[in-house]
Each structure stands twice: as structure tokens, then as C-alpha cells.
Amino acid sequence: MNSNNEAEFDDEEELHHHDEMEHGEIEHDDKSNPTEHEQDEVAYAEVEPDDTFTHDSPVLIDVDDLSVVFQGQTILQDIDLSILRGQTIAVIGESGCGKTVFMKTLVGLIAPTHGSVSFDGRRFDQMSMTELTQTRKRFGFVFQNAALFDSMSIFENVAFPLRQNEVVPETEVHERVMQHLFEVGLPSEVARKYPAELSGGMRKRVGLARALILRPELVVYDEPTTGLDPIMSDVINELILETRRRYPVTSIVVTHDMHTARKVADRVLMFYPRRRLGVDESQVLFDGSPSDLEHADDRRVRQFVRGEAGERLKEMSLHSEG
């Protein structure tokens, strides 16, 4: 374990900045744009329940003795777990605990310093670049700030992955784009608009439509409700649930929102910053059902779930005294 506990490394902020640069994201001021509540209500597509996940489901992602070190600082250490096909995992924990690094390692965007990650029985570090590229087409990403291309219409944004990765006639492109916009509750006229004309929640729904256009097996949500009011946050939660019912997907939801974690997840993982743990302490403080969070054995889990400073306040006091 890294001994330099005084060096703060906010992996979340640094990696989000990388995403913004990579995907050309430009933040817009929503104040002059209509909110979802001011838009005409649109009925979501009705779906039948599809319980794709059971505890007998096969393993989709296997994490074996995973450690990740950046610039001499240990971000993740000795992580061992499996994610089953069809499961929805909520990953929670304070900023800087390694949630984003864990997420990116799960999908092969960050190489482990030690250990391995396997997807559908294949280790990422044993794949060729061609195989890795093909495997990533099986993933869909919903970024924290939507990461839409500002110069493209909403239609072009949603169609972009399809045109980049498949050869399909334009009639099919149009059909699939409009169907996915409908499935996330957006009216057809939104297709002609540009990201700057939409509110934050609408852009996130566009991001979800784009993430699903290639019919992925794994969907990764990075802070899907950040910056939204409670009503629109719950709209996003409902869309995550509908996506799971409509498609046979496995979902990983990285979130600070405990309502989201409780509502959408079959299983919750809570990470804790490695630098503040003892040598023999597990970095995953909780791995279980959302219903068990309030009664977790570890008081740090209970305090986090309730929004209480608790142990963190004590740690900050000790640090300032030192």
C-alpha cells in the first residue's frame, strides 16, 4: 500500500476531464432553456417485465486480485469480485475512493497494475487491439454530463455510434434513432434540435438513447442523476429500470445518489479510499443488497448512507492536528 497518504488524488475529476476532452463535451447554460417540466409530457414505451438476472446467471465480468496504481499512489488494491449477466450494480462511495477508476478498469479503458479483468471469459490483457475494439462495441456508456457533440443535431448524436460501427441503410438508421428517442420519452421534434437547446435532463436522456443504439450487453452509467432535480432524477432512475426490462443488459451505475442506488440496483458495492484504510482492511466496505445498507456491519457504510460525517469528520480532525 502506498505510504504517501498526504497526497490527495481525485481520480474522479481527472478522468472526467479526460472524457470531456475525448468526447468533445461543452457545457451549456441551462437557465435559458426549457426544463422537462415545461415540455409536453410524452408517454414512455410500455414494456413487459423481463427478469434477466437470477443468482444462477453466468458470470459476465470477473475481477481477479485487481490493483491500480497512479503516480505512486494506490487507488485500487486487491479487489476480487464477479458481476453476473443481467445484474445491475450500483457503485457508491465518496469522491476519490476509486469508483471511476474501477468503472474504467472494468471496461478495459485502464490497464490494471496487478491482477486482471475478464469480460465474458476473456481477459482484457490477453486481447489483441482488434479484439479489444470489437469487445468495446458490446458496451454502452452514459456519461455524467451526456458528452454530446455540440455541433451535431440530436439525431446525428444518437446515430453517430451506429454509423461508425455498422453498415446499415439510412432507413434503418432513422428507424432505430427515432425508436430509441421514443423509448427514453423524448418527442420526435427533439431529433432536429441541438444539445444547447435542451435542458440537462433531456441531454442525459439523449445520452442514454445513444448508449443503447448498438444494443450493448453492458451499459455503464456515470453519475446519471447528478445536477438534476428530484423529479427528473427519478425519471432517469425509471429509464434505467425500463432499459433493464426491455433489453437483456448488465448495468453498472456509479452514483452518489442513495435513492438511485436503492431503486435501480440488485447489488451495491461501496468503495473506501485506499489511503485511509488499514493494511488488512478490504477496500470494498459493502457488497450486498440495497435493503441491507442501513444495517451494514461497518459503521462507515451506515454513516455514508445516512449522509453523516461520522468517521470522516474524525479523520479530518486528526489530519489537521497532525
Protein backbone atom coordinates (compact mmCIF):
# COMPACT_ATOMS: atom_id res chain seq x y z
CA MET A 1 0.00 0.00 0.00
CA ASN A 2 1.20 3.48 -0.80
CA SER A 3 2.69 5.22 2.20
CA ASN A 4 2.17 8.71 0.85
CA ASN A 5 -1.20 9.25 2.48
CA GLU A 6 -0.90 13.03 2.31
CA ALA A 7 -1.14 13.14 -1.47
CA GLU A 8 -4.77 13.63 -2.46
CA PHE A 9 -5.59 12.14 -5.85
CA ASP A 10 -9.06 12.97 -7.12
CA ASP A 11 -9.30 10.30 -9.80
CA GLU A 12 -12.93 11.19 -10.46
CA GLU A 13 -12.15 14.77 -11.52
CA GLU A 14 -9.09 13.91 -13.61
CA LEU A 15 -10.80 11.12 -15.50
CA HIS A 16 -13.98 13.13 -16.09
CA HIS A 17 -11.78 15.85 -17.60
CA HIS A 18 -10.25 13.21 -19.88
CA ASP A 19 -13.74 12.17 -21.01
CA GLU A 20 -14.71 15.75 -21.76
CA MET A 21 -11.62 16.25 -23.92
CA GLU A 22 -12.03 12.90 -25.65
CA HIS A 23 -15.71 13.29 -26.48
CA GLY A 24 -15.75 16.98 -27.27
CA GLU A 25 -18.12 17.92 -24.47
CA ILE A 26 -19.01 21.56 -23.99
CA GLU A 27 -21.11 22.54 -21.01
CA HIS A 28 -24.13 24.74 -21.69
CA ASP A 29 -26.07 27.13 -19.53
CA ASP A 30 -29.47 25.57 -18.91
CA LYS A 31 -31.03 28.70 -17.42
CA SER A 32 -32.36 29.97 -20.74
CA ASN A 33 -33.60 26.57 -21.85
CA PRO A 34 -36.95 24.98 -21.00
CA THR A 35 -36.94 22.33 -18.31
CA GLU A 36 -38.51 18.92 -18.72
CA HIS A 37 -41.45 20.09 -16.61
CA GLU A 38 -42.18 22.80 -19.19
CA GLN A 39 -42.15 20.34 -22.08
CA ASP A 40 -45.25 18.48 -23.21
CA GLU A 41 -45.41 15.16 -21.42
CA VAL A 42 -44.55 12.16 -23.59
CA ALA A 43 -45.63 8.64 -22.74
CA TYR A 44 -42.80 6.14 -22.47
CA ALA A 45 -42.96 2.94 -24.48
CA GLU A 46 -44.74 0.25 -22.50
CA VAL A 47 -42.58 -2.76 -21.69
CA GLU A 48 -43.24 -6.13 -20.15
CA PRO A 49 -41.11 -7.16 -17.16
CA ASP A 50 -38.11 -9.22 -18.21
CA ASP A 51 -36.27 -10.67 -15.26
CA THR A 52 -32.97 -11.42 -17.00
CA PHE A 53 -30.99 -11.66 -13.77
CA THR A 54 -31.04 -14.54 -11.33
CA HIS A 55 -28.42 -15.64 -8.83
CA ASP A 56 -27.76 -18.60 -11.15
CA SER A 57 -26.90 -16.31 -14.07
CA PRO A 58 -23.45 -16.83 -15.63
CA VAL A 59 -20.55 -14.53 -14.80
CA LEU A 60 -20.09 -11.70 -17.30
CA ILE A 61 -17.24 -9.78 -15.62
CA ASP A 62 -14.62 -11.36 -13.37
CA VAL A 63 -12.22 -9.20 -11.34
CA ASP A 64 -9.22 -11.12 -10.00
CA ASP A 65 -6.82 -9.58 -7.44
CA LEU A 66 -7.13 -6.16 -9.09
CA SER A 67 -4.82 -3.30 -8.12
CA VAL A 68 -4.33 0.05 -9.87
CA VAL A 69 -1.53 2.49 -9.01
CA PHE A 70 -1.25 6.02 -10.43
CA GLN A 71 1.86 8.14 -9.91
CA GLY A 72 2.95 6.04 -6.97
CA GLN A 73 -0.43 6.18 -5.24
CA THR A 74 -2.57 3.08 -4.82
CA ILE A 75 -6.12 3.79 -5.99
CA LEU A 76 -7.45 0.22 -6.01
CA GLN A 77 -5.95 -2.73 -4.18
CA ASP A 78 -6.73 -6.45 -4.03
CA ILE A 79 -10.25 -6.29 -5.49
CA ASP A 80 -11.86 -9.69 -6.09
CA LEU A 81 -15.44 -9.95 -7.31
CA SER A 82 -17.68 -11.17 -10.11
CA ILE A 83 -20.62 -9.50 -11.86
CA LEU A 84 -23.35 -11.75 -13.20
CA ARG A 85 -25.02 -11.38 -16.58
CA GLY A 86 -28.18 -9.28 -16.25
CA GLN A 87 -27.21 -7.86 -12.86
CA THR A 88 -27.48 -4.16 -12.01
CA ILE A 89 -24.63 -2.99 -9.78
CA ALA A 90 -24.58 0.39 -8.02
CA VAL A 91 -21.07 1.55 -7.11
CA ILE A 92 -21.09 4.10 -4.28
CA GLY A 93 -18.51 5.87 -2.11
CA GLU A 94 -17.10 9.32 -1.51
CA SER A 95 -15.20 11.29 -4.16
CA GLY A 96 -11.69 9.97 -4.68
CA CYS A 97 -12.44 6.45 -3.45
CA GLY A 98 -11.71 4.88 -6.85
CA LYS A 99 -15.22 4.45 -8.29
CA THR A 100 -14.38 5.93 -11.68
CA VAL A 101 -11.06 4.07 -11.91
CA PHE A 102 -12.88 0.84 -11.07
CA MET A 103 -15.51 1.53 -13.73
CA LYS A 104 -12.92 2.28 -16.41
CA THR A 105 -10.87 -0.78 -15.49
CA LEU A 106 -13.97 -2.98 -15.80
CA VAL A 107 -14.38 -1.97 -19.44
CA GLY A 108 -10.71 -2.12 -20.42
CA LEU A 109 -10.04 1.63 -20.54
CA ILE A 110 -7.45 1.41 -17.76
CA ALA A 111 -4.97 -1.45 -17.50
CA PRO A 112 -4.52 -2.94 -14.02
CA THR A 113 -1.16 -2.56 -12.33
CA HIS A 114 -1.71 -6.03 -10.90
CA GLY A 115 -4.37 -8.69 -11.41
CA SER A 116 -6.84 -8.97 -14.26
CA VAL A 117 -10.34 -8.22 -15.52
CA SER A 118 -12.17 -10.70 -17.76
CA PHE A 119 -15.25 -9.99 -19.86
CA ASP A 120 -17.34 -12.94 -20.99
CA GLY A 121 -14.48 -15.32 -20.18
CA ARG A 122 -11.71 -13.34 -21.92
CA ARG A 123 -9.03 -11.30 -20.12
CA PHE A 124 -8.57 -7.80 -21.49
CA ASP A 125 -4.79 -8.06 -21.22
CA GLN A 126 -4.83 -11.14 -23.46
CA MET A 127 -6.86 -9.50 -26.24
CA SER A 128 -5.34 -8.01 -29.36
CA MET A 129 -6.20 -4.39 -30.13
CA THR A 130 -8.68 -5.60 -32.75
CA GLU A 131 -10.34 -7.93 -30.25
CA LEU A 132 -10.44 -5.19 -27.63
CA THR A 133 -12.05 -2.77 -30.08
CA GLN A 134 -14.67 -5.35 -31.02
CA THR A 135 -15.36 -6.12 -27.37
CA ARG A 136 -15.90 -2.45 -26.54
CA LYS A 137 -18.68 -2.33 -29.13
CA ARG A 138 -20.60 -4.52 -26.69
CA PHE A 139 -20.55 -1.68 -24.14
CA GLY A 140 -22.75 1.41 -23.89
CA PHE A 141 -21.70 4.48 -21.88
CA VAL A 142 -23.91 7.16 -20.33
CA PHE A 143 -21.54 9.94 -19.28
CA GLN A 144 -22.05 12.26 -16.33
CA ASN A 145 -22.60 15.35 -18.49
CA ALA A 146 -24.02 13.48 -21.51
CA ALA A 147 -20.88 14.23 -23.63
CA LEU A 148 -22.90 15.08 -26.71
CA PHE A 149 -21.28 16.60 -29.80
CA ASP A 150 -22.29 20.26 -29.68
CA SER A 151 -22.12 20.77 -33.46
CA MET A 152 -24.39 17.82 -34.26
CA SER A 153 -28.16 17.61 -34.08
CA ILE A 154 -29.70 15.23 -31.57
CA PHE A 155 -30.48 12.83 -34.42
CA GLU A 156 -26.85 12.87 -35.56
CA ASN A 157 -25.60 12.41 -31.99
CA VAL A 158 -27.70 9.29 -31.45
CA ALA A 159 -26.89 7.94 -34.91
CA PHE A 160 -23.14 8.51 -34.54
CA PRO A 161 -22.15 5.13 -32.95
CA LEU A 162 -24.35 3.27 -35.42
CA ARG A 163 -22.78 4.92 -38.45
CA GLN A 164 -19.29 4.45 -37.04
CA ASN A 165 -19.65 0.76 -36.26
CA GLU A 166 -22.26 -0.78 -38.55
CA VAL A 167 -23.11 -0.64 -42.24
CA VAL A 168 -26.87 -0.16 -42.33
CA PRO A 169 -29.21 1.63 -44.74
CA GLU A 170 -30.28 5.15 -43.80
CA THR A 171 -33.87 4.00 -43.45
CA GLU A 172 -32.78 1.67 -40.63
CA VAL A 173 -30.64 4.39 -39.06
CA HIS A 174 -33.66 6.70 -38.97
CA GLU A 175 -35.94 3.99 -37.59
CA ARG A 176 -33.55 2.99 -34.81
CA VAL A 177 -32.72 6.56 -33.79
CA MET A 178 -36.37 7.59 -33.58
CA GLN A 179 -37.29 4.41 -31.71
CA HIS A 180 -34.60 4.99 -29.10
CA LEU A 181 -35.60 8.62 -28.63
CA PHE A 182 -39.17 7.44 -28.11
CA GLU A 183 -38.05 4.82 -25.60
CA VAL A 184 -36.40 7.49 -23.43
CA GLY A 185 -39.52 9.65 -23.56
CA LEU A 186 -38.39 12.34 -26.00
CA PRO A 187 -40.76 13.71 -28.68
CA SER A 188 -39.82 13.33 -32.34
CA GLU A 189 -39.17 17.06 -32.80
CA VAL A 190 -36.21 16.82 -30.42
CA ALA A 191 -34.29 15.00 -33.17
CA ARG A 192 -33.88 18.28 -35.09
CA LYS A 193 -32.61 20.24 -32.10
CA TYR A 194 -29.03 20.73 -30.88
CA PRO A 195 -27.64 19.93 -27.41
CA ALA A 196 -27.53 23.61 -26.38
CA GLU A 197 -31.30 23.81 -26.88
CA LEU A 198 -32.01 21.05 -24.35
CA SER A 199 -32.00 21.03 -20.57
CA GLY A 200 -29.59 18.83 -18.63
CA GLY A 201 -32.06 16.03 -18.03
CA MET A 202 -33.07 15.89 -21.68
CA ARG A 203 -29.42 15.71 -22.74
CA LYS A 204 -28.92 12.79 -20.35
CA ARG A 205 -31.85 11.00 -21.95
CA VAL A 206 -30.29 11.61 -25.36
CA GLY A 207 -27.06 10.15 -23.96
CA LEU A 208 -28.95 7.03 -22.89
CA ALA A 209 -30.56 6.68 -26.33
CA ARG A 210 -27.11 6.93 -27.93
CA ALA A 211 -25.65 4.38 -25.49
CA LEU A 212 -28.33 1.84 -26.45
CA ILE A 213 -28.25 2.30 -30.22
CA LEU A 214 -25.76 -0.57 -30.75
CA ARG A 215 -27.78 -2.88 -28.46
CA PRO A 216 -24.97 -3.35 -25.92
CA GLU A 217 -24.65 -6.19 -23.45
CA LEU A 218 -23.20 -3.90 -20.77
CA VAL A 219 -24.35 -0.35 -20.00
CA VAL A 220 -22.23 1.86 -17.75
CA TYR A 221 -23.86 4.91 -16.13
CA ASP A 222 -21.52 7.54 -14.71
CA GLU A 223 -23.40 9.67 -12.14
CA PRO A 224 -26.63 9.58 -14.19
CA THR A 225 -28.65 11.88 -11.88
CA THR A 226 -26.01 14.48 -10.99
CA GLY A 227 -27.29 18.03 -11.45
CA LEU A 228 -30.95 17.05 -11.80
CA ASP A 229 -33.87 17.95 -9.57
CA PRO A 230 -35.51 15.09 -7.62
CA ILE A 231 -38.31 14.56 -10.15
CA MET A 232 -36.02 14.36 -13.16
CA SER A 233 -33.59 12.20 -11.19
CA ASP A 234 -36.39 9.71 -10.71
CA VAL A 235 -37.25 9.87 -14.41
CA ILE A 236 -33.68 8.75 -15.12
CA ASN A 237 -33.98 6.01 -12.50
CA GLU A 238 -37.17 4.76 -14.15
CA LEU A 239 -35.42 4.75 -17.53
CA ILE A 240 -32.60 2.65 -16.11
CA LEU A 241 -35.18 0.16 -14.83
CA GLU A 242 -37.07 0.17 -18.13
CA THR A 243 -33.84 -0.39 -20.04
CA ARG A 244 -33.14 -3.47 -17.92
CA ARG A 245 -36.65 -4.79 -18.55
CA ARG A 246 -36.60 -4.04 -22.26
CA TYR A 247 -33.12 -5.32 -23.09
CA PRO A 248 -31.01 -8.19 -21.67
CA VAL A 249 -28.33 -5.84 -20.35
CA THR A 250 -25.95 -5.86 -17.43
CA SER A 251 -25.71 -2.41 -15.82
CA ILE A 252 -23.08 -0.65 -13.71
CA VAL A 253 -24.28 2.58 -12.09
CA VAL A 254 -21.66 4.80 -10.46
CA THR A 255 -23.52 7.22 -8.20
CA HIS A 256 -23.54 9.41 -5.10
CA ASP A 257 -27.34 9.33 -5.09
CA MET A 258 -28.55 6.84 -2.49
CA HIS A 259 -32.10 6.96 -3.85
CA THR A 260 -30.75 5.83 -7.22
CA ALA A 261 -28.66 3.07 -5.65
CA ARG A 262 -31.60 1.72 -3.68
CA LYS A 263 -34.08 1.95 -6.54
CA VAL A 264 -32.22 0.54 -9.54
CA ALA A 265 -29.67 -1.92 -8.14
CA ASP A 266 -29.77 -5.63 -7.37
CA ARG A 267 -26.44 -5.23 -5.62
CA VAL A 268 -24.45 -2.36 -4.13
CA LEU A 269 -20.66 -2.05 -3.84
CA MET A 270 -19.28 0.64 -1.55
CA PHE A 271 -15.64 1.61 -2.01
CA TYR A 272 -13.48 3.46 0.50
CA PRO A 273 -10.26 5.40 -0.23
CA ARG A 274 -7.33 3.00 0.00
CA ARG A 275 -5.12 5.62 1.63
CA ARG A 276 -7.40 5.78 4.68
CA LEU A 277 -7.63 2.04 5.31
CA GLY A 278 -5.53 -0.25 7.43
CA VAL A 279 -3.19 -2.74 5.77
CA ASP A 280 -5.57 -5.68 6.13
CA GLU A 281 -8.84 -3.82 5.52
CA SER A 282 -10.84 -4.51 2.37
CA GLN A 283 -11.41 -1.54 0.10
CA VAL A 284 -14.94 -2.77 -0.61
CA LEU A 285 -16.69 -1.94 2.66
CA PHE A 286 -20.05 -3.27 1.49
CA ASP A 287 -21.11 -5.81 -1.13
CA GLY A 288 -24.74 -6.80 -0.86
CA SER A 289 -28.40 -5.96 -1.32
CA PRO A 290 -29.56 -2.33 -1.19
CA SER A 291 -32.02 -3.32 1.52
CA ASP A 292 -29.12 -4.22 3.83
CA LEU A 293 -27.28 -0.88 3.58
CA GLU A 294 -28.92 0.71 6.62
CA HIS A 295 -27.95 -2.26 8.78
CA ALA A 296 -24.43 -2.84 7.42
CA ASP A 297 -21.88 -4.10 9.95
CA ASP A 298 -19.41 -1.33 9.11
CA ARG A 299 -20.45 2.00 10.66
CA ARG A 300 -18.73 3.90 7.84
CA VAL A 301 -21.25 2.38 5.44
CA ARG A 302 -24.19 3.33 7.65
CA GLN A 303 -22.86 6.87 8.05
CA PHE A 304 -22.34 7.30 4.31
CA VAL A 305 -25.83 6.06 3.51
CA ARG A 306 -27.36 8.45 6.05
CA GLY A 307 -25.20 11.38 4.98
CA GLU A 308 -23.45 11.66 8.34
CA ALA A 309 -19.86 12.93 8.58
CA GLY A 310 -19.05 10.48 11.38
CA GLU A 311 -15.72 8.75 10.90
CA ARG A 312 -14.74 11.09 8.08
CA LEU A 313 -15.02 14.10 10.40
CA LYS A 314 -12.76 12.36 12.92
CA GLU A 315 -10.22 11.59 10.18
CA MET A 316 -10.23 15.23 9.05
CA SER A 317 -9.70 16.43 12.63
CA LEU A 318 -6.79 14.06 13.13
CA HIS A 319 -5.24 15.16 9.83
CA SER A 320 -5.50 18.86 10.74
CA GLU A 321 -3.97 18.21 14.15
CA GLY A 322 -1.10 16.35 12.55
